[in-house]
Amino acid sequence: MGHHHLVLDPKHLPRVVAHAIVSGLVRDSFVAGNLLESHLRLRPSALSEALALLRLSPDPSPFMYNTLLSSLLSHRLPSAAAALLRRMLRRLRGGGAAAAAEPNRYTFPLALKAFAQLRSLRDGELLHALILKLGLGSDPFVHASLVHLYATCGRSAGARKVFDAVPDAKVSAWTALLSGYAKSGELGVARELFDEMPERNLVSWSALIAGYVQSGRPGEALVLFREMLVSRIRPIASVLVSVLVAVAELGALLEGRWVHAYLEREAVEWTPNVRTSLVSMYFKCGDVRSAWQLFDRMMERGVDLWNTMITGVGLNGKGTEALALFDEMVFEGIKPDDMTFIGVLGACSHAGLVDEGMKRFESMSKVHDVSPKVEHYSCMVDLLGKAGLLKEALELIESMPMKANSRVWGSLFGACRAHGNTELGEAVGKVLIELEPKHAGHYVLLANLYASSGRWKEAVEVRERMERRGVELEPGCSSIEVEGVVNEFLVGDQSLPMSGDIYDTLDCTSKVGLNGYVEDIRHNC
């Protein structure tokens, strides 16, 4: 940035700074700038001393401001960075010698990044006007930062307008716009933009893959990942985390094992997210043994990894083992959090450990200083409901310190159906429809409850009410992995090559099912 920093020994730095202050050299912006930069380079956390040096300088340079802005952002202090920029602009408006501190092409990307992190679009728009006034709108760094600001604040149209204002936009601006579309769920537009890009970088591929995963389209994420590998783009940890999430959603165990082997072979950094996602993938694909083996090999075990293990073991019906994991975690000095207890209570629910579940629930606030949230109450209602303790489950809902949501009531409704309590189930079903009148599943479940008890008139009335309100039931979707290929199926889908054979087989199995199988839909923790 046009400055040469001094080479100082950290031991001598305080003495040099003191000498500069006493002698008045600190009033020279060049000296002050070098001292400030050296201070932050040798002692990155010494932000208060750096700010003091800025205040002592009567004419701070843009270099000083930029150095401090960069440091504040690296310490995740966007509010402090925004405040520093406002101070810089106030001094600029004051005129005089302070005009030397005019923001430059290095200042604006830092400032726009701060406003993007704060989702402060209004401040960003004011800064945009100043950028245009100074003629810096086409600077590659500034341009990409502007696109990023509007995209991050959910203004896709504004981001596109800024992007189109520069004919020869650099790849960073293309990627910023692509990321914005992907994060907002506009994946069709994002894919079109991706295909139009004159060049793609790792961030471009990563943004679109993550967008597909976040929008519930894991199959397309894996297809794009394969394209990425064919293009000889080497994935980093964050990309592989997205891929592992997609694999877990599809239950594509062979793909997951390939990713695991790639991690081992290519020496990709095993970040905490990578470790957690890999263990979670094995659990969700049903390979509990591999999950355990991987966990046992890991030396670094943060709370997220422990939570994944507790949840995964519990969901596989091993409640006692999940509780033993929890006790081991606490013994090792890891403080449990909200997610830990969702896993613990869910494990108790799946294994029918009512007394243990009650004990762990009560220990949350008393022993571990974790206040129960609505999700924890939902787990407890599920636990009590599965054990047939419907009255106790209802009393717990009524005693909740917050309003029960549809997940809580849904857990009780599932228990009412399972235990044949039509009277309570009817009341709960009506509450669910009142809470979420556009949720088709609630109508279907209540209609099925009426039908199972022979109340056909009420079942028809619920279906008719659903139609009058324009509530439509979305077709179900499932997937299966066969010889490394993931096949996805929609209800009523006739597009697959073997659709005829598939439906013939389903017809046969449905006839067998008439002997006693009844489909059941339940709300689980």
Protein backbone atom coordinates (compact mmCIF):
# COMPACT_ATOMS: atom_id res chain seq x y z
CA MET A 1 0.00 0.00 0.00
CA GLY A 2 2.87 2.34 -0.67
CA HIS A 3 4.52 1.94 2.74
CA HIS A 4 7.71 0.20 3.94
CA HIS A 5 7.41 -1.21 7.45
CA LEU A 6 10.14 -0.99 10.02
CA VAL A 7 11.85 -4.18 11.17
CA LEU A 8 11.56 -4.14 14.95
CA ASP A 9 12.25 -6.61 17.70
CA PRO A 10 9.03 -7.18 19.73
CA LYS A 11 11.04 -6.56 22.92
CA HIS A 12 12.06 -3.09 21.75
CA LEU A 13 8.69 -2.03 20.35
CA PRO A 14 7.25 -0.42 23.54
CA ARG A 15 10.46 1.60 24.00
CA VAL A 16 10.42 2.77 20.37
CA VAL A 17 6.76 3.81 20.63
CA ALA A 18 7.39 5.66 23.90
CA HIS A 19 10.34 7.51 22.34
CA ALA A 20 8.23 8.49 19.31
CA ILE A 21 5.51 9.89 21.58
CA VAL A 22 7.88 11.81 23.90
CA SER A 23 9.95 13.23 21.03
CA GLY A 24 6.92 14.20 18.97
CA LEU A 25 7.92 11.96 16.05
CA VAL A 26 4.55 10.25 16.33
CA ARG A 27 3.04 13.40 14.83
CA ASP A 28 4.70 12.50 11.56
CA SER A 29 2.16 10.36 9.65
CA PHE A 30 4.90 8.25 8.00
CA VAL A 31 6.47 7.37 11.36
CA ALA A 32 3.08 6.82 13.00
CA GLY A 33 1.97 4.60 10.14
CA ASN A 34 5.08 2.42 10.38
CA LEU A 35 4.74 2.13 14.14
CA LEU A 36 1.07 1.20 13.87
CA GLU A 37 1.76 -1.43 11.20
CA SER A 38 4.68 -2.88 13.18
CA HIS A 39 2.56 -2.94 16.33
CA LEU A 40 -0.22 -4.96 14.70
CA ARG A 41 2.21 -7.25 12.89
CA LEU A 42 4.15 -8.11 16.05
CA ARG A 43 1.18 -7.99 18.42
CA PRO A 44 -2.00 -8.63 16.37
CA SER A 45 -4.29 -8.36 19.39
CA ALA A 46 -2.95 -4.94 20.48
CA LEU A 47 -5.83 -3.06 18.88
CA SER A 48 -6.24 -0.48 21.67
CA GLU A 49 -2.59 0.60 21.39
CA ALA A 50 -2.94 0.85 17.61
CA LEU A 51 -6.04 3.01 17.96
CA ALA A 52 -4.17 5.22 20.42
CA LEU A 53 -1.41 5.76 17.84
CA LEU A 54 -4.04 6.78 15.31
CA ARG A 55 -5.53 9.31 17.72
CA LEU A 56 -2.10 10.77 18.50
CA SER A 57 -1.45 11.47 14.83
CA PRO A 58 -2.81 14.89 13.80
CA ASP A 59 -2.83 13.85 10.14
CA PRO A 60 -3.38 10.07 9.94
CA SER A 61 -2.72 8.63 6.51
CA PRO A 62 -5.01 6.32 4.50
CA PHE A 63 -2.39 3.62 5.13
CA MET A 64 -3.01 3.87 8.89
CA TYR A 65 -6.76 3.63 8.48
CA ASN A 66 -6.50 0.73 6.04
CA THR A 67 -4.14 -1.19 8.31
CA LEU A 68 -6.49 -0.78 11.26
CA LEU A 69 -9.60 -1.64 9.20
CA SER A 70 -7.93 -4.84 8.01
CA SER A 71 -6.94 -5.79 11.55
CA LEU A 72 -10.40 -5.13 12.96
CA LEU A 73 -12.01 -7.30 10.29
CA SER A 74 -9.52 -10.10 10.87
CA HIS A 75 -10.60 -10.02 14.53
CA ARG A 76 -14.25 -10.21 13.45
CA LEU A 77 -15.08 -6.72 14.63
CA PRO A 78 -17.08 -5.28 11.70
CA SER A 79 -18.93 -2.78 13.92
CA ALA A 80 -15.62 -1.29 15.10
CA ALA A 81 -14.38 -1.20 11.50
CA ALA A 82 -17.54 0.64 10.41
CA ALA A 83 -17.12 3.15 13.26
CA LEU A 84 -13.50 3.77 12.23
CA LEU A 85 -14.54 4.43 8.64
CA ARG A 86 -17.18 6.92 9.77
CA ARG A 87 -14.51 8.72 11.79
CA MET A 88 -12.28 8.85 8.73
CA LEU A 89 -15.09 10.34 6.62
CA ARG A 90 -15.95 12.92 9.30
CA ARG A 91 -12.35 14.13 9.33
CA LEU A 92 -12.40 14.26 5.55
CA ARG A 93 -15.52 16.44 5.54
CA GLY A 94 -13.81 18.70 8.08
CA GLY A 95 -11.28 19.71 5.40
CA GLY A 96 -7.81 21.09 6.12
CA ALA A 97 -4.82 18.82 6.51
CA ALA A 98 -7.11 15.88 7.22
CA ALA A 99 -7.96 15.81 3.50
CA ALA A 100 -4.85 13.67 3.12
CA ALA A 101 -6.83 10.81 4.71
CA GLU A 102 -9.13 10.42 1.71
CA PRO A 103 -10.29 6.79 1.27
CA ASN A 104 -8.56 4.99 -1.59
CA ARG A 105 -8.96 1.77 -3.62
CA TYR A 106 -7.73 -0.24 -0.62
CA THR A 107 -10.08 1.42 1.88
CA PHE A 108 -13.37 0.76 0.10
CA PRO A 109 -13.17 -3.04 -0.19
CA LEU A 110 -12.46 -3.24 3.55
CA ALA A 111 -15.30 -0.88 4.40
CA LEU A 112 -17.75 -2.65 2.09
CA LYS A 113 -16.80 -5.98 3.65
CA ALA A 114 -17.63 -4.58 7.10
CA PHE A 115 -21.03 -3.28 5.93
CA ALA A 116 -21.75 -6.62 4.21
CA GLN A 117 -21.02 -8.51 7.43
CA LEU A 118 -23.32 -6.13 9.30
CA ARG A 119 -25.99 -6.38 6.55
CA SER A 120 -25.94 -2.57 6.62
CA LEU A 121 -27.19 -1.84 3.11
CA ARG A 122 -27.96 1.83 3.81
CA ASP A 123 -24.37 2.55 4.84
CA GLY A 124 -23.16 0.57 1.85
CA GLU A 125 -25.31 2.61 -0.52
CA LEU A 126 -23.91 5.87 0.88
CA LEU A 127 -20.40 4.52 0.41
CA HIS A 128 -21.32 3.44 -3.13
CA ALA A 129 -22.24 7.05 -3.95
CA LEU A 130 -18.85 8.26 -2.69
CA ILE A 131 -17.09 5.56 -4.72
CA LEU A 132 -18.81 6.75 -7.90
CA LYS A 133 -17.98 10.39 -7.04
CA LEU A 134 -14.30 9.47 -6.73
CA GLY A 135 -14.38 7.48 -9.98
CA LEU A 136 -13.45 4.14 -8.38
CA GLY A 137 -16.52 2.14 -9.41
CA SER A 138 -14.64 0.17 -12.08
CA ASP A 139 -11.66 -0.72 -9.90
CA PRO A 140 -11.63 -4.56 -9.84
CA PHE A 141 -11.37 -4.85 -6.04
CA VAL A 142 -13.95 -2.15 -5.37
CA HIS A 143 -16.32 -3.47 -8.04
CA ALA A 144 -16.27 -7.03 -6.68
CA SER A 145 -16.80 -5.72 -3.14
CA LEU A 146 -19.83 -3.71 -4.23
CA VAL A 147 -21.39 -6.74 -5.92
CA HIS A 148 -20.69 -8.76 -2.78
CA LEU A 149 -22.36 -6.13 -0.57
CA TYR A 150 -25.63 -6.07 -2.51
CA ALA A 151 -25.67 -9.86 -2.93
CA THR A 152 -25.01 -10.47 0.78
CA CYS A 153 -27.81 -8.06 1.72
CA GLY A 154 -30.24 -10.03 -0.43
CA ARG A 155 -30.44 -7.47 -3.24
CA SER A 156 -29.84 -9.68 -6.26
CA ALA A 157 -31.17 -7.09 -8.71
CA GLY A 158 -28.90 -4.41 -7.24
CA ALA A 159 -25.91 -6.75 -7.38
CA ARG A 160 -26.65 -7.51 -11.04
CA LYS A 161 -26.96 -3.81 -11.87
CA VAL A 162 -23.58 -3.07 -10.29
CA PHE A 163 -22.06 -6.10 -12.02
CA ASP A 164 -23.37 -5.06 -15.46
CA ALA A 165 -21.98 -1.52 -15.05
CA VAL A 166 -18.45 -2.83 -15.70
CA PRO A 167 -18.14 -4.59 -19.10
CA ASP A 168 -14.93 -6.50 -18.38
CA ALA A 169 -15.72 -7.68 -14.86
CA LYS A 170 -13.05 -9.80 -13.20
CA VAL A 171 -13.65 -13.33 -11.94
CA SER A 172 -14.01 -12.05 -8.36
CA ALA A 173 -17.07 -9.99 -9.37
CA TRP A 174 -18.56 -12.93 -11.29
CA THR A 175 -18.08 -15.13 -8.25
CA ALA A 176 -19.59 -12.57 -5.87
CA LEU A 177 -22.74 -12.38 -8.02
CA LEU A 178 -22.90 -16.17 -8.37
CA SER A 179 -22.60 -16.61 -4.60
CA GLY A 180 -25.43 -14.15 -4.05
CA TYR A 181 -27.77 -15.99 -6.40
CA ALA A 182 -26.84 -19.37 -4.90
CA LYS A 183 -27.38 -18.24 -1.29
CA SER A 184 -30.76 -16.70 -2.13
CA GLY A 185 -31.92 -19.95 -3.74
CA GLU A 186 -31.98 -18.58 -7.31
CA LEU A 187 -30.13 -21.63 -8.57
CA GLY A 188 -31.40 -21.49 -12.13
CA VAL A 189 -29.93 -18.03 -12.59
CA ALA A 190 -26.80 -19.04 -10.70
CA ARG A 191 -26.24 -22.02 -13.01
CA GLU A 192 -26.73 -19.85 -16.11
CA LEU A 193 -24.20 -17.36 -14.77
CA PHE A 194 -21.81 -20.18 -13.91
CA ASP A 195 -22.00 -21.52 -17.48
CA GLU A 196 -21.37 -18.02 -18.89
CA MET A 197 -18.29 -17.31 -16.76
CA PRO A 198 -15.18 -16.65 -18.88
CA GLU A 199 -13.15 -18.37 -16.16
CA ARG A 200 -14.06 -20.19 -12.96
CA ASN A 201 -12.14 -20.43 -9.75
CA LEU A 202 -12.45 -22.64 -6.70
CA VAL A 203 -14.84 -20.19 -5.03
CA SER A 204 -17.20 -20.30 -8.02
CA TRP A 205 -17.48 -24.09 -7.91
CA SER A 206 -17.80 -24.07 -4.12
CA ALA A 207 -20.57 -21.46 -4.10
CA LEU A 208 -22.78 -23.34 -6.55
CA ILE A 209 -22.23 -26.74 -4.91
CA ALA A 210 -23.10 -25.23 -1.49
CA GLY A 211 -26.15 -23.54 -3.02
CA TYR A 212 -27.49 -26.86 -4.32
CA VAL A 213 -26.96 -28.50 -0.92
CA GLN A 214 -28.61 -25.66 1.02
CA SER A 215 -31.63 -25.74 -1.33
CA GLY A 216 -32.20 -29.46 -0.81
CA ARG A 217 -30.82 -30.56 -4.19
CA PRO A 218 -28.01 -32.91 -3.16
CA GLY A 219 -28.07 -34.94 -6.38
CA GLU A 220 -27.23 -31.88 -8.48
CA ALA A 221 -24.51 -30.95 -5.99
CA LEU A 222 -22.80 -34.31 -6.55
CA VAL A 223 -23.11 -34.02 -10.33
CA LEU A 224 -21.44 -30.61 -10.20
CA PHE A 225 -18.74 -31.94 -7.87
CA ARG A 226 -17.88 -34.62 -10.43
CA GLU A 227 -17.68 -31.92 -13.13
CA MET A 228 -15.32 -30.02 -10.85
CA LEU A 229 -13.00 -33.00 -10.53
CA VAL A 230 -13.05 -33.58 -14.30
CA SER A 231 -12.03 -29.90 -14.71
CA ARG A 232 -9.01 -30.67 -12.51
CA ILE A 233 -10.05 -28.19 -9.80
CA ARG A 234 -8.71 -29.48 -6.49
CA PRO A 235 -11.42 -29.23 -3.80
CA ILE A 236 -10.62 -27.76 -0.42
CA ALA A 237 -12.11 -28.68 2.95
CA SER A 238 -15.20 -26.43 2.71
CA VAL A 239 -16.19 -27.97 -0.66
CA LEU A 240 -15.83 -31.49 0.72
CA VAL A 241 -18.01 -30.57 3.71
CA SER A 242 -20.81 -29.58 1.29
CA VAL A 243 -20.29 -32.80 -0.67
CA LEU A 244 -20.45 -34.90 2.52
CA VAL A 245 -23.73 -33.23 3.49
CA ALA A 246 -25.13 -34.07 0.03
CA VAL A 247 -23.90 -37.66 0.33
CA ALA A 248 -25.51 -38.01 3.77
CA GLU A 249 -28.86 -36.70 2.51
CA LEU A 250 -28.84 -39.20 -0.35
CA GLY A 251 -27.49 -42.08 1.73
CA ALA A 252 -24.82 -42.60 -0.95
CA LEU A 253 -22.34 -44.59 1.14
CA LEU A 254 -19.99 -45.49 -1.74
CA GLU A 255 -19.65 -41.81 -2.67
CA GLY A 256 -19.00 -41.01 0.98
CA ARG A 257 -16.26 -43.60 1.22
CA TRP A 258 -14.66 -42.17 -1.92
CA VAL A 259 -14.60 -38.70 -0.30
CA HIS A 260 -13.06 -40.21 2.85
CA ALA A 261 -10.36 -41.90 0.75
CA TYR A 262 -9.73 -38.64 -1.11
CA LEU A 263 -9.25 -36.82 2.20
CA GLU A 264 -6.71 -39.40 3.30
CA ARG A 265 -4.94 -39.58 -0.07
CA GLU A 266 -4.70 -35.88 -0.94
CA ALA A 267 -3.81 -34.66 2.55
CA VAL A 268 -6.65 -32.11 2.61
CA GLU A 269 -6.82 -30.22 5.90
CA TRP A 270 -9.03 -32.05 8.39
CA THR A 271 -10.87 -29.05 9.76
CA PRO A 272 -13.38 -29.52 12.61
CA ASN A 273 -16.20 -29.25 10.04
CA VAL A 274 -14.62 -31.97 7.89
CA ARG A 275 -14.27 -34.34 10.85
CA THR A 276 -17.84 -33.74 12.00
CA SER A 277 -19.34 -34.01 8.51
CA LEU A 278 -17.50 -37.26 7.79
CA VAL A 279 -18.67 -38.94 11.01
CA SER A 280 -22.21 -37.64 10.44
CA MET A 281 -22.19 -39.01 6.88
CA TYR A 282 -21.33 -42.51 8.08
CA PHE A 283 -24.12 -42.45 10.67
CA LYS A 284 -26.73 -41.18 8.20
CA CYS A 285 -25.68 -43.82 5.67
CA GLY A 286 -26.10 -46.51 8.34
CA ASP A 287 -22.40 -47.39 8.69
CA VAL A 288 -22.17 -47.04 12.47
CA ARG A 289 -18.98 -49.11 12.68
CA SER A 290 -17.02 -46.76 10.39
CA ALA A 291 -18.28 -43.74 12.34
CA TRP A 292 -17.00 -45.25 15.60
CA GLN A 293 -13.64 -46.22 14.08
CA LEU A 294 -13.15 -42.73 12.71
CA PHE A 295 -14.09 -41.10 16.00
CA ASP A 296 -11.68 -43.31 17.94
CA ARG A 297 -8.81 -42.26 15.65
CA MET A 298 -9.39 -38.54 16.14
CA MET A 299 -7.26 -36.70 18.66
CA GLU A 300 -9.04 -33.32 18.39
CA ARG A 301 -12.61 -33.67 19.60
CA GLY A 302 -14.63 -30.49 19.87
CA VAL A 303 -18.19 -30.20 21.12
CA ASP A 304 -19.64 -30.47 17.59
CA LEU A 305 -17.93 -33.82 17.01
CA TRP A 306 -19.16 -35.17 20.36
CA ASN A 307 -22.67 -33.95 19.53
CA THR A 308 -22.56 -35.76 16.19
CA MET A 309 -21.49 -38.98 17.87
CA ILE A 310 -24.14 -38.77 20.59
CA THR A 311 -26.87 -37.99 18.06
CA GLY A 312 -25.74 -40.65 15.58
CA VAL A 313 -25.45 -43.40 18.16
CA GLY A 314 -28.81 -42.44 19.64
CA LEU A 315 -30.61 -42.40 16.29
CA ASN A 316 -29.37 -45.93 15.70
CA GLY A 317 -31.23 -47.07 18.83
CA LYS A 318 -28.24 -47.31 21.17
CA GLY A 319 -29.44 -45.01 23.93
CA THR A 320 -27.23 -46.43 26.69
CA GLU A 321 -24.11 -45.99 24.54
CA ALA A 322 -25.15 -42.42 23.72
CA LEU A 323 -25.48 -41.58 27.42
CA ALA A 324 -22.08 -43.15 28.09
CA LEU A 325 -20.61 -40.93 25.37
CA PHE A 326 -22.18 -37.90 27.04
CA ASP A 327 -20.67 -38.81 30.39
CA GLU A 328 -17.26 -39.36 28.78
CA MET A 329 -17.53 -35.97 27.07
CA VAL A 330 -18.24 -34.19 30.36
CA PHE A 331 -15.42 -36.13 32.07
CA GLU A 332 -12.99 -34.87 29.41
CA GLY A 333 -13.95 -31.29 30.24
CA ILE A 334 -16.05 -30.51 27.16
CA LYS A 335 -18.97 -28.26 28.09
CA PRO A 336 -22.25 -29.49 26.57
CA ASP A 337 -24.42 -27.05 24.60
CA ASP A 338 -27.98 -26.92 23.22
CA MET A 339 -27.27 -29.45 20.49
CA THR A 340 -25.70 -31.88 22.96
CA PHE A 341 -28.94 -32.21 24.88
CA ILE A 342 -31.04 -32.53 21.74
CA GLY A 343 -28.88 -35.56 20.93
CA VAL A 344 -29.06 -36.91 24.49
CA LEU A 345 -32.84 -36.53 24.82
CA GLY A 346 -33.37 -37.89 21.32
CA ALA A 347 -31.29 -40.95 22.23
CA CYS A 348 -33.43 -41.52 25.32
CA SER A 349 -36.56 -41.17 23.21
CA HIS A 350 -35.46 -43.69 20.58
CA ALA A 351 -34.41 -46.20 23.26
CA GLY A 352 -37.40 -45.63 25.53
CA LEU A 353 -35.26 -44.48 28.48
CA VAL A 354 -37.91 -42.33 30.18
CA ASP A 355 -36.34 -42.01 33.64
CA GLU A 356 -32.89 -41.24 32.22
CA GLY A 357 -34.41 -38.70 29.86
CA MET A 358 -36.21 -36.90 32.69
CA LYS A 359 -33.01 -36.89 34.75
CA ARG A 360 -30.91 -35.45 31.90
CA PHE A 361 -33.55 -32.85 31.08
CA GLU A 362 -33.62 -31.61 34.68
CA SER A 363 -29.81 -31.49 34.80
CA MET A 364 -29.60 -29.10 31.84
CA SER A 365 -30.08 -25.87 33.78
CA LYS A 366 -29.25 -27.16 37.27
CA VAL A 367 -25.92 -28.82 36.47
CA HIS A 368 -24.78 -27.65 33.02
CA ASP A 369 -26.18 -24.10 32.86
CA VAL A 370 -28.03 -24.76 29.59
CA SER A 371 -31.56 -23.36 29.46
CA PRO A 372 -34.04 -25.72 27.76
CA LYS A 373 -35.41 -24.42 24.46
CA VAL A 374 -38.47 -25.42 22.49
CA GLU A 375 -36.46 -28.14 20.71
CA HIS A 376 -35.65 -29.79 24.03
CA TYR A 377 -39.30 -29.74 25.08
CA SER A 378 -40.17 -31.33 21.75
CA CYS A 379 -37.76 -34.18 22.52
CA MET A 380 -39.28 -34.65 25.96
CA VAL A 381 -42.83 -34.71 24.57
CA ASP A 382 -41.68 -37.31 22.05
CA LEU A 383 -40.05 -39.36 24.83
CA LEU A 384 -43.14 -39.29 27.04
CA GLY A 385 -45.50 -39.83 24.12
CA LYS A 386 -43.71 -42.91 22.82
CA ALA A 387 -43.89 -44.39 26.31
CA GLY A 388 -47.67 -43.85 26.29
CA LEU A 389 -47.52 -41.10 28.92
CA LEU A 390 -49.81 -38.79 26.94
CA LYS A 391 -51.22 -36.97 29.95
CA GLU A 392 -47.74 -36.17 31.22
CA ALA A 393 -46.69 -35.02 27.76
CA LEU A 394 -49.67 -32.63 27.56
CA GLU A 395 -48.94 -31.28 31.05
CA LEU A 396 -45.33 -30.63 30.02
CA ILE A 397 -46.51 -28.66 26.97
CA GLU A 398 -48.85 -26.59 29.12
CA SER A 399 -46.03 -25.81 31.56
CA MET A 400 -43.58 -24.64 28.88
CA PRO A 401 -42.16 -21.13 29.46
CA MET A 402 -42.48 -20.42 25.72
CA LYS A 403 -45.23 -21.08 23.17
CA ALA A 404 -45.19 -24.61 21.81
CA ASN A 405 -44.55 -24.81 18.06
CA SER A 406 -45.78 -27.30 15.48
CA ARG A 407 -42.90 -29.67 16.15
CA VAL A 408 -43.88 -30.01 19.82
CA TRP A 409 -47.57 -30.55 19.02
CA GLY A 410 -46.58 -32.86 16.17
CA SER A 411 -44.68 -35.10 18.56
CA LEU A 412 -47.79 -35.41 20.74
CA PHE A 413 -50.02 -36.02 17.73
CA GLY A 414 -47.81 -38.89 16.56
CA ALA A 415 -48.01 -40.43 20.01
CA CYS A 416 -51.81 -40.10 20.04
CA ARG A 417 -52.02 -41.99 16.74
CA ALA A 418 -49.60 -44.68 17.88
CA HIS A 419 -51.51 -45.30 21.11
CA GLY A 420 -55.01 -44.93 19.64
CA ASN A 421 -56.05 -41.86 21.64
CA THR A 422 -58.40 -40.37 19.04
CA GLU A 423 -59.97 -37.80 21.36
CA LEU A 424 -56.69 -36.09 22.29
CA GLY A 425 -55.33 -36.61 18.78
CA GLU A 426 -58.29 -34.75 17.30
CA ALA A 427 -57.71 -31.74 19.56
CA VAL A 428 -53.97 -31.70 18.83
CA GLY A 429 -54.55 -32.10 15.08
CA LYS A 430 -56.78 -29.02 15.07
CA VAL A 431 -54.09 -27.06 16.92
CA LEU A 432 -51.54 -28.07 14.26
CA ILE A 433 -53.79 -26.89 11.41
CA GLU A 434 -54.38 -23.61 13.23
CA LEU A 435 -50.63 -23.11 13.69
CA GLU A 436 -49.73 -23.99 10.08
CA PRO A 437 -52.84 -23.73 7.86
CA LYS A 438 -50.78 -24.19 4.67
CA HIS A 439 -49.05 -27.40 5.80
CA ALA A 440 -50.69 -30.24 3.85
CA GLY A 441 -49.33 -32.96 6.14
CA HIS A 442 -51.40 -31.79 9.11
CA TYR A 443 -54.68 -32.18 7.17
CA VAL A 444 -53.69 -35.60 5.87
CA LEU A 445 -52.73 -36.87 9.31
CA LEU A 446 -55.94 -35.62 10.93
CA ALA A 447 -58.03 -37.13 8.11
CA ASN A 448 -56.18 -40.44 8.55
CA LEU A 449 -56.84 -40.31 12.29
CA TYR A 450 -60.57 -39.93 11.68
CA ALA A 451 -60.53 -42.69 9.07
CA SER A 452 -58.69 -45.12 11.38
CA SER A 453 -61.49 -44.77 13.92
CA GLY A 454 -64.27 -45.09 11.32
CA ARG A 455 -65.24 -41.40 11.34
CA TRP A 456 -65.41 -41.14 7.55
CA LYS A 457 -67.56 -38.00 7.45
CA GLU A 458 -65.02 -35.98 9.46
CA ALA A 459 -62.17 -37.38 7.34
CA VAL A 460 -63.87 -36.16 4.15
CA GLU A 461 -64.57 -32.76 5.72
CA VAL A 462 -60.88 -32.29 6.55
CA ARG A 463 -59.90 -33.18 2.97
CA GLU A 464 -62.50 -30.75 1.59
CA ARG A 465 -61.26 -27.96 3.89
CA MET A 466 -57.74 -28.61 2.61
CA GLU A 467 -58.94 -28.24 -1.00
CA ARG A 468 -60.93 -25.05 -0.27
CA ARG A 469 -57.84 -23.44 1.21
CA GLY A 470 -55.77 -24.38 -1.83
CA VAL A 471 -53.37 -26.53 0.15
CA GLU A 472 -51.59 -29.04 -2.07
CA LEU A 473 -49.65 -32.12 -1.02
CA GLU A 474 -46.17 -32.14 -2.51
CA PRO A 475 -45.12 -35.45 -4.09
CA GLY A 476 -42.80 -37.53 -1.94
CA CYS A 477 -39.23 -38.17 -3.02
CA SER A 478 -36.81 -40.97 -2.16
CA SER A 479 -33.42 -42.14 -3.36
CA ILE A 480 -31.36 -45.33 -3.42
CA GLU A 481 -27.73 -46.00 -4.27
CA VAL A 482 -27.10 -48.99 -6.57
CA GLU A 483 -23.53 -49.81 -7.61
CA GLY A 484 -22.34 -46.30 -6.85
CA VAL A 485 -25.17 -44.58 -8.76
CA VAL A 486 -27.79 -42.59 -6.82
CA ASN A 487 -31.32 -43.00 -8.24
CA GLU A 488 -34.03 -40.53 -7.17
CA PHE A 489 -37.78 -41.25 -7.36
CA LEU A 490 -40.81 -38.95 -7.20
CA VAL A 491 -44.33 -40.18 -6.50
CA GLY A 492 -46.02 -40.80 -9.86
CA ASP A 493 -42.76 -40.39 -11.79
CA GLN A 494 -42.90 -42.25 -15.14
CA SER A 495 -39.63 -40.92 -16.58
CA LEU A 496 -37.31 -43.70 -15.43
CA PRO A 497 -36.37 -46.44 -17.96
CA MET A 498 -37.70 -49.22 -15.72
CA SER A 499 -40.83 -47.39 -14.47
CA GLY A 500 -43.15 -50.15 -15.74
CA ASP A 501 -41.33 -52.91 -13.88
CA ILE A 502 -41.09 -50.77 -10.75
CA TYR A 503 -44.83 -50.06 -10.63
CA ASP A 504 -45.69 -53.71 -11.36
CA THR A 505 -43.56 -54.73 -8.37
CA LEU A 506 -45.20 -52.06 -6.17
CA ASP A 507 -48.65 -53.34 -7.16
CA CYS A 508 -47.67 -56.84 -6.03
CA THR A 509 -46.24 -55.65 -2.72
CA SER A 510 -49.29 -53.46 -2.04
CA LYS A 511 -51.53 -56.51 -2.40
CA VAL A 512 -49.37 -58.34 0.13
CA GLY A 513 -49.57 -55.27 2.37
CA LEU A 514 -53.35 -55.61 2.58
CA ASN A 515 -52.75 -58.45 5.05
CA GLY A 516 -51.95 -55.96 7.77
CA TYR A 517 -49.36 -53.29 6.93
CA VAL A 518 -50.57 -49.74 7.47
CA GLU A 519 -48.33 -46.79 6.58
CA ASP A 520 -47.62 -44.61 9.59
CA ILE A 521 -46.24 -41.10 9.61
CA ARG A 522 -44.78 -39.87 12.86
CA HIS A 523 -43.14 -36.76 14.19
CA ASN A 524 -39.84 -37.74 15.71
CA CYS A 525 -37.37 -35.81 17.79
